[in-house]
Amino acid sequence: MTLWVFGYASLLWNPGFKVAESQPARLSGYARSFCMYSIHHRGSEEKPGLVLALDEHDGTACDGLALRAEPGTEDAALEYLRERELVSAAYLERVLQVELASGEKVEAVSYVIDPHHVQYTGELTLEEQAQIIAQAHGGRGPNCDYLYNTAAHLDELGVPDADLHWLTDRVKALRA
């Protein structure tokens, strides 16, 4: 079994499993967005943070990385990802077709937001997002570090995100 995983946020810089290969990839029909309250990793129940999620919208696409698990580690990788990503059931595990930069299409495990889950934020303004991210802290550290790392790694991939750049500048100003 070949296991591909679509990374679009923290999986870009912290996959947490052995990766044999990574390739730029695009997932159509989904947008990367700070649309999920984080009550474990980047916030708490008392003071939720925000994390990026894949939000399904017609006519959109999300650029990220397709990560192929090292052969022989697929079961362990999937177990790890389920423990990490499905901690509160706000994400839904889906196997979706992504297009690699080469044009090849592969099926990849992808974690998408459940728009009916209580942690789904809907459409927050960028200012509302910045106010939350600047103050939140969870089990994996400050919410702002998640933002900064994701924006930096997207830049390294050649996938700059104007909203993440605005949020980075605004959160740094709020924290100064």
C-alpha atoms as a PDB file:
ATOM      1  CA  MET A   1       0.000   0.000   0.000  1.00  0.00           C
ATOM      2  CA  THR A   2       1.295   3.468  -0.880  1.00  0.00           C
ATOM      3  CA  LEU A   3       0.206   6.133   1.580  1.00  0.00           C
ATOM      4  CA  TRP A   4       0.099   9.720   0.397  1.00  0.00           C
ATOM      5  CA  VAL A   5      -0.911  12.488   2.819  1.00  0.00           C
ATOM      6  CA  PHE A   6      -1.848  16.023   1.764  1.00  0.00           C
ATOM      7  CA  GLY A   7      -0.103  18.648   3.895  1.00  0.00           C
ATOM      8  CA  TYR A   8      -1.297  22.234   3.801  1.00  0.00           C
ATOM      9  CA  ALA A   9      -0.366  23.674   7.247  1.00  0.00           C
ATOM     10  CA  SER A  10       1.603  22.117  10.140  1.00  0.00           C
ATOM     11  CA  LEU A  11       2.167  18.898   8.188  1.00  0.00           C
ATOM     12  CA  LEU A  12       4.408  21.002   5.909  1.00  0.00           C
ATOM     13  CA  TRP A  13       6.910  21.632   8.687  1.00  0.00           C
ATOM     14  CA  ASN A  14       6.089  18.899  11.194  1.00  0.00           C
ATOM     15  CA  PRO A  15       4.734  15.782   9.485  1.00  0.00           C
ATOM     16  CA  GLY A  16       5.474  13.561  12.498  1.00  0.00           C
ATOM     17  CA  PHE A  17       5.937  10.424  10.399  1.00  0.00           C
ATOM     18  CA  LYS A  18       8.711   9.100   8.163  1.00  0.00           C
ATOM     19  CA  VAL A  19       8.409  10.720   4.736  1.00  0.00           C
ATOM     20  CA  ALA A  20       9.988   8.960   1.772  1.00  0.00           C
ATOM     21  CA  GLU A  21       9.049  11.622  -0.756  1.00  0.00           C
ATOM     22  CA  SER A  22       7.338  14.987  -0.885  1.00  0.00           C
ATOM     23  CA  GLN A  23       6.050  16.809  -3.929  1.00  0.00           C
ATOM     24  CA  PRO A  24       4.174  20.063  -4.438  1.00  0.00           C
ATOM     25  CA  ALA A  25       0.503  19.244  -4.901  1.00  0.00           C
ATOM     26  CA  ARG A  26      -2.881  20.885  -5.392  1.00  0.00           C
ATOM     27  CA  LEU A  27      -6.220  19.855  -3.922  1.00  0.00           C
ATOM     28  CA  SER A  28      -9.169  21.249  -5.864  1.00  0.00           C
ATOM     29  CA  GLY A  29     -12.461  22.197  -4.244  1.00  0.00           C
ATOM     30  CA  TYR A  30     -10.973  23.168  -0.884  1.00  0.00           C
ATOM     31  CA  ALA A  31      -9.514  26.381   0.534  1.00  0.00           C
ATOM     32  CA  ARG A  32      -6.934  26.693   3.320  1.00  0.00           C
ATOM     33  CA  SER A  33      -8.494  28.869   6.020  1.00  0.00           C
ATOM     34  CA  PHE A  34      -8.303  29.669   9.739  1.00  0.00           C
ATOM     35  CA  CYS A  35     -11.789  28.233  10.209  1.00  0.00           C
ATOM     36  CA  MET A  36     -11.235  25.868  13.137  1.00  0.00           C
ATOM     37  CA  TYR A  37     -11.041  26.717  16.818  1.00  0.00           C
ATOM     38  CA  SER A  38      -8.162  24.873  18.476  1.00  0.00           C
ATOM     39  CA  ILE A  39      -8.897  23.727  22.007  1.00  0.00           C
ATOM     40  CA  HIS A  40      -5.982  21.295  22.331  1.00  0.00           C
ATOM     41  CA  HIS A  41      -2.844  22.046  20.305  1.00  0.00           C
ATOM     42  CA  ARG A  42      -2.905  25.847  19.866  1.00  0.00           C
ATOM     43  CA  GLY A  43      -5.493  26.964  22.403  1.00  0.00           C
ATOM     44  CA  SER A  44      -7.623  25.724  25.271  1.00  0.00           C
ATOM     45  CA  GLU A  45     -11.312  25.249  25.947  1.00  0.00           C
ATOM     46  CA  GLU A  46     -11.234  28.451  28.013  1.00  0.00           C
ATOM     47  CA  LYS A  47      -9.307  30.414  25.371  1.00  0.00           C
ATOM     48  CA  PRO A  48      -9.482  28.717  21.966  1.00  0.00           C
ATOM     49  CA  GLY A  49      -6.887  29.405  19.336  1.00  0.00           C
ATOM     50  CA  LEU A  50      -7.249  29.010  15.582  1.00  0.00           C
ATOM     51  CA  VAL A  51      -5.755  26.480  13.197  1.00  0.00           C
ATOM     52  CA  LEU A  52      -5.924  26.141   9.468  1.00  0.00           C
ATOM     53  CA  ALA A  53      -8.301  23.657   7.923  1.00  0.00           C
ATOM     54  CA  LEU A  54      -9.419  22.632   4.475  1.00  0.00           C
ATOM     55  CA  ASP A  55     -12.842  24.206   3.964  1.00  0.00           C
ATOM     56  CA  GLU A  56     -14.810  22.839   1.014  1.00  0.00           C
ATOM     57  CA  HIS A  57     -15.765  25.527  -1.512  1.00  0.00           C
ATOM     58  CA  ASP A  58     -16.522  25.132  -5.216  1.00  0.00           C
ATOM     59  CA  GLY A  59     -14.031  26.792  -7.530  1.00  0.00           C
ATOM     60  CA  THR A  60     -11.197  26.920  -4.980  1.00  0.00           C
ATOM     61  CA  ALA A  61      -7.927  25.034  -4.681  1.00  0.00           C
ATOM     62  CA  CYS A  62      -5.288  24.611  -2.014  1.00  0.00           C
ATOM     63  CA  ASP A  63      -1.593  24.246  -2.786  1.00  0.00           C
ATOM     64  CA  GLY A  64       0.534  22.216  -0.411  1.00  0.00           C
ATOM     65  CA  LEU A  65       2.641  19.076  -0.328  1.00  0.00           C
ATOM     66  CA  ALA A  66       1.857  15.456  -1.039  1.00  0.00           C
ATOM     67  CA  LEU A  67       3.853  13.432   1.479  1.00  0.00           C
ATOM     68  CA  ARG A  68       4.498   9.745   0.788  1.00  0.00           C
ATOM     69  CA  ALA A  69       5.053   7.669   3.901  1.00  0.00           C
ATOM     70  CA  GLU A  70       8.180   5.567   3.973  1.00  0.00           C
ATOM     71  CA  PRO A  71       7.368   2.025   2.783  1.00  0.00           C
ATOM     72  CA  GLY A  72       6.618  -0.267   5.703  1.00  0.00           C
ATOM     73  CA  THR A  73       5.551   2.593   7.979  1.00  0.00           C
ATOM     74  CA  GLU A  74       2.134   3.295   6.475  1.00  0.00           C
ATOM     75  CA  ASP A  75       0.089   1.796   9.333  1.00  0.00           C
ATOM     76  CA  ALA A  76       2.137   3.600  11.981  1.00  0.00           C
ATOM     77  CA  ALA A  77       1.886   6.872  10.044  1.00  0.00           C
ATOM     78  CA  LEU A  78      -1.876   6.597   9.749  1.00  0.00           C
ATOM     79  CA  GLU A  79      -2.221   5.719  13.434  1.00  0.00           C
ATOM     80  CA  TYR A  80      -0.104   8.738  14.379  1.00  0.00           C
ATOM     81  CA  LEU A  81      -2.070  11.071  12.082  1.00  0.00           C
ATOM     82  CA  ARG A  82      -5.403   9.894  13.423  1.00  0.00           C
ATOM     83  CA  GLU A  83      -4.276  10.485  16.995  1.00  0.00           C
ATOM     84  CA  ARG A  84      -2.986  13.949  16.094  1.00  0.00           C
ATOM     85  CA  GLU A  85      -5.642  15.197  13.684  1.00  0.00           C
ATOM     86  CA  LEU A  86      -8.804  13.543  14.978  1.00  0.00           C
ATOM     87  CA  VAL A  87      -8.322  14.501  18.633  1.00  0.00           C
ATOM     88  CA  SER A  88     -11.629  16.401  18.775  1.00  0.00           C
ATOM     89  CA  ALA A  89     -13.464  15.079  15.697  1.00  0.00           C
ATOM     90  CA  ALA A  90     -13.556  18.557  14.093  1.00  0.00           C
ATOM     91  CA  TYR A  91     -11.568  17.167  11.175  1.00  0.00           C
ATOM     92  CA  LEU A  92     -12.924  14.512   8.864  1.00  0.00           C
ATOM     93  CA  GLU A  93     -10.472  12.053   7.339  1.00  0.00           C
ATOM     94  CA  ARG A  94     -10.965  11.821   3.591  1.00  0.00           C
ATOM     95  CA  VAL A  95      -9.062  10.206   0.750  1.00  0.00           C
ATOM     96  CA  LEU A  96      -9.047  12.844  -1.982  1.00  0.00           C
ATOM     97  CA  GLN A  97      -7.382  13.160  -5.339  1.00  0.00           C
ATOM     98  CA  VAL A  98      -4.506  15.618  -5.447  1.00  0.00           C
ATOM     99  CA  GLU A  99      -2.521  16.666  -8.473  1.00  0.00           C
ATOM    100  CA  LEU A 100       1.245  16.553  -8.134  1.00  0.00           C
ATOM    101  CA  ALA A 101       3.415  19.218  -9.748  1.00  0.00           C
ATOM    102  CA  SER A 102       4.361  16.595 -12.357  1.00  0.00           C
ATOM    103  CA  GLY A 103       0.693  16.371 -13.420  1.00  0.00           C
ATOM    104  CA  GLU A 104       0.264  12.905 -11.915  1.00  0.00           C
ATOM    105  CA  LYS A 105      -2.845  12.433  -9.799  1.00  0.00           C
ATOM    106  CA  VAL A 106      -2.723  10.431  -6.581  1.00  0.00           C
ATOM    107  CA  GLU A 107      -5.157   9.611  -3.789  1.00  0.00           C
ATOM    108  CA  ALA A 108      -4.070  11.260  -0.532  1.00  0.00           C
ATOM    109  CA  VAL A 109      -5.342  11.138   3.013  1.00  0.00           C
ATOM    110  CA  SER A 110      -6.576  14.638   3.770  1.00  0.00           C
ATOM    111  CA  TYR A 111      -8.037  16.180   6.906  1.00  0.00           C
ATOM    112  CA  VAL A 112     -10.923  18.541   6.155  1.00  0.00           C
ATOM    113  CA  ILE A 113     -13.088  20.569   8.522  1.00  0.00           C
ATOM    114  CA  ASP A 114     -16.539  19.326   9.487  1.00  0.00           C
ATOM    115  CA  PRO A 115     -18.633  22.475   8.920  1.00  0.00           C
ATOM    116  CA  HIS A 116     -21.241  21.156  11.370  1.00  0.00           C
ATOM    117  CA  HIS A 117     -18.770  20.733  14.244  1.00  0.00           C
ATOM    118  CA  VAL A 118     -18.808  23.189  17.148  1.00  0.00           C
ATOM    119  CA  GLN A 119     -15.149  24.082  16.455  1.00  0.00           C
ATOM    120  CA  TYR A 120     -15.966  25.350  12.950  1.00  0.00           C
ATOM    121  CA  THR A 121     -15.684  29.150  12.960  1.00  0.00           C
ATOM    122  CA  GLY A 122     -17.333  29.981   9.678  1.00  0.00           C
ATOM    123  CA  GLU A 123     -16.050  33.236   8.269  1.00  0.00           C
ATOM    124  CA  LEU A 124     -14.039  35.302  10.749  1.00  0.00           C
ATOM    125  CA  THR A 125     -12.512  38.564   9.545  1.00  0.00           C
ATOM    126  CA  LEU A 126      -8.736  38.742   9.358  1.00  0.00           C
ATOM    127  CA  GLU A 127      -8.743  41.136  12.318  1.00  0.00           C
ATOM    128  CA  GLU A 128     -10.809  38.695  14.399  1.00  0.00           C
ATOM    129  CA  GLN A 129      -8.371  35.929  13.463  1.00  0.00           C
ATOM    130  CA  ALA A 130      -5.372  38.068  14.436  1.00  0.00           C
ATOM    131  CA  GLN A 131      -6.871  38.953  17.825  1.00  0.00           C
ATOM    132  CA  ILE A 132      -7.405  35.263  18.633  1.00  0.00           C
ATOM    133  CA  ILE A 133      -4.050  34.022  17.313  1.00  0.00           C
ATOM    134  CA  ALA A 134      -2.098  36.731  19.161  1.00  0.00           C
ATOM    135  CA  GLN A 135      -3.409  35.582  22.550  1.00  0.00           C
ATOM    136  CA  ALA A 136      -3.922  31.817  22.314  1.00  0.00           C
ATOM    137  CA  HIS A 137      -1.603  29.116  23.640  1.00  0.00           C
ATOM    138  CA  GLY A 138      -2.131  25.350  23.708  1.00  0.00           C
ATOM    139  CA  GLY A 139      -0.416  22.044  24.327  1.00  0.00           C
ATOM    140  CA  ARG A 140       1.892  22.490  21.322  1.00  0.00           C
ATOM    141  CA  GLY A 141       2.759  26.091  22.089  1.00  0.00           C
ATOM    142  CA  PRO A 142       1.713  29.600  21.126  1.00  0.00           C
ATOM    143  CA  ASN A 143      -0.825  29.960  18.348  1.00  0.00           C
ATOM    144  CA  CYS A 144       1.361  32.632  16.736  1.00  0.00           C
ATOM    145  CA  ASP A 145       4.209  30.112  16.234  1.00  0.00           C
ATOM    146  CA  TYR A 146       1.843  27.913  14.219  1.00  0.00           C
ATOM    147  CA  LEU A 147       0.974  30.900  12.010  1.00  0.00           C
ATOM    148  CA  TYR A 148       4.586  32.006  11.565  1.00  0.00           C
ATOM    149  CA  ASN A 149       5.855  28.506  10.743  1.00  0.00           C
ATOM    150  CA  THR A 150       3.099  27.802   8.258  1.00  0.00           C
ATOM    151  CA  ALA A 151       3.520  31.136   6.451  1.00  0.00           C
ATOM    152  CA  ALA A 152       7.305  30.669   6.265  1.00  0.00           C
ATOM    153  CA  HIS A 153       7.064  27.130   4.898  1.00  0.00           C
ATOM    154  CA  LEU A 154       4.495  28.129   2.291  1.00  0.00           C
ATOM    155  CA  ASP A 155       6.892  30.876   1.180  1.00  0.00           C
ATOM    156  CA  GLU A 156       9.705  28.297   0.927  1.00  0.00           C
ATOM    157  CA  LEU A 157       7.465  26.186  -1.299  1.00  0.00           C
ATOM    158  CA  GLY A 158       6.755  29.174  -3.531  1.00  0.00           C
ATOM    159  CA  VAL A 159       3.126  29.331  -2.350  1.00  0.00           C
ATOM    160  CA  PRO A 160       2.905  32.729  -0.654  1.00  0.00           C
ATOM    161  CA  ASP A 161      -0.431  33.387   1.037  1.00  0.00           C
ATOM    162  CA  ALA A 162      -1.374  37.083   1.253  1.00  0.00           C
ATOM    163  CA  ASP A 163      -3.793  36.517   4.152  1.00  0.00           C
ATOM    164  CA  LEU A 164      -1.157  34.672   6.185  1.00  0.00           C
ATOM    165  CA  HIS A 165       1.329  37.484   5.508  1.00  0.00           C
ATOM    166  CA  TRP A 166      -1.188  40.081   6.701  1.00  0.00           C
ATOM    167  CA  LEU A 167      -1.966  37.979   9.770  1.00  0.00           C
ATOM    168  CA  THR A 168       1.735  37.523  10.541  1.00  0.00           C
ATOM    169  CA  ASP A 169       2.357  41.272  10.449  1.00  0.00           C
ATOM    170  CA  ARG A 170      -0.771  42.050  12.484  1.00  0.00           C
ATOM    171  CA  VAL A 171      -0.145  39.357  15.125  1.00  0.00           C
ATOM    172  CA  LYS A 172       3.452  40.555  15.562  1.00  0.00           C
ATOM    173  CA  ALA A 173       2.150  44.105  16.057  1.00  0.00           C
ATOM    174  CA  LEU A 174      -0.435  42.935  18.591  1.00  0.00           C
ATOM    175  CA  ARG A 175       2.184  40.979  20.529  1.00  0.00           C
ATOM    176  CA  ALA A 176       4.752  43.821  20.530  1.00  0.00           C
END
